[in-house]
Amino acid sequence: MNRRDFIAALGGAAVAWPPGANAQQAGRIRQVAALWPFNEGDADAQAVLAAFREGLHDFGWAALRIESRWSGGDIERTHALASELVAQSPDVIFAYFNAQLGPLARATRSIPIVFVGASDPVGAGYIASLAHPGGNITGFTLYEPTLAGKWLGLLKEVAPRTSRIALLINPDTAVVHGTLYSQAFEAAAASAGIEAKTANVYSPSDIEAAIGSLGKQPGSGLIVAPDTFSEVNGDLIVAQVARHRVPAVYAISRFATRGGLMSYGPNTPDAVRRAASYVDRILRGEKPADLPVQAPVKFDLVVNLKTARALGLAVPESFLLRADQVIE
């Protein structure tokens, strides 16, 4: 059993309850609110919602009421929906990513909040420490700063002629104003002899301009940092990268399945199912302050061979053997 499997098994043992346990208390239907960054009709959005529902159902909450709100990545709408959900006084609130957690954390200090994807919850002031959150917030991180070096290494492995790499990020929506990955990214680039650049983007037109500029410079590559902004503008980013023939690596698998070259990052449905275990424990009486924030245990490497061929890239066989999914 490897380290990740051991941690996952240990976490599962800590939250295991007798099969068929009746999760409803005194006949009252419990309510969980959820704030998502997607558009409701998005297929990937429905997939993570389904994972959340399935996770809760597995813990016996068959009749649980889930009030979901979909912000579509709009910052002002996210704040309004956060206030709306808090006003309903649900038993627990689920937050997806930093952009959703921030408004919810400011709106309530009493309703328990379980998050997925807050990359630096201590630095952002949401919790006191990972081991002892100490307030009404706990959850599961997804992305660590060191992943920036991993993304750069993967891109260089598939596109060895890359000499210049840009990190695409929106400081308004990314954690720590977009600086979380900068140090690791710059250190990895310097070690590999690659020119590093941070491309700050705030709108779709900024995305087009940034990627267009890279396309005019031979040897350019792109890392798309994970946050709500890149999620919402994913199709545009993939289209512009294809148009300007820029090799790119993404943190979220949906980019690769929709035409991006490759992705490497945590398996988000798995993280959402794990978050359901914390919602279950809180509904049963435990406090967020006592539930340690956990790191992801399952990562996926996805490569799109069709896109690689379109870019004239020959993906090494050793790389394909390591991939969790190869898209033909």
Foldseek 3Di string as FASTA:
>chain_A
DDPLVVVVVVLCVVLDDDFQDALDDPPDAAEEEEEEAADPPDPVVVVLVVLLQVLLVRLNNPRHHYHYDYQLNDLVSLLVVLLVVVVVVGQEYEYEAPSNVVSNLVNDFPRAYEYEADACCCVVPQAVDQQFRQTRYAYAHWDALLVLLVFVVVLCQFVVLAAEEEEEDALVWDPPSPCRNVVNNVVSNVVVNHHYYYQHDDDLVSLLVVLLVQLVDPRYAYEYEDGSVCVSCLVSNQVSCLVSLHQYEYQDQVSQVNRHFKYKIADSSVRSSSSSSVVSVVSVPDGNSNDGYYYGSHMFIEGEVVNCVSSVTDNDPVSVVPGPYYHD
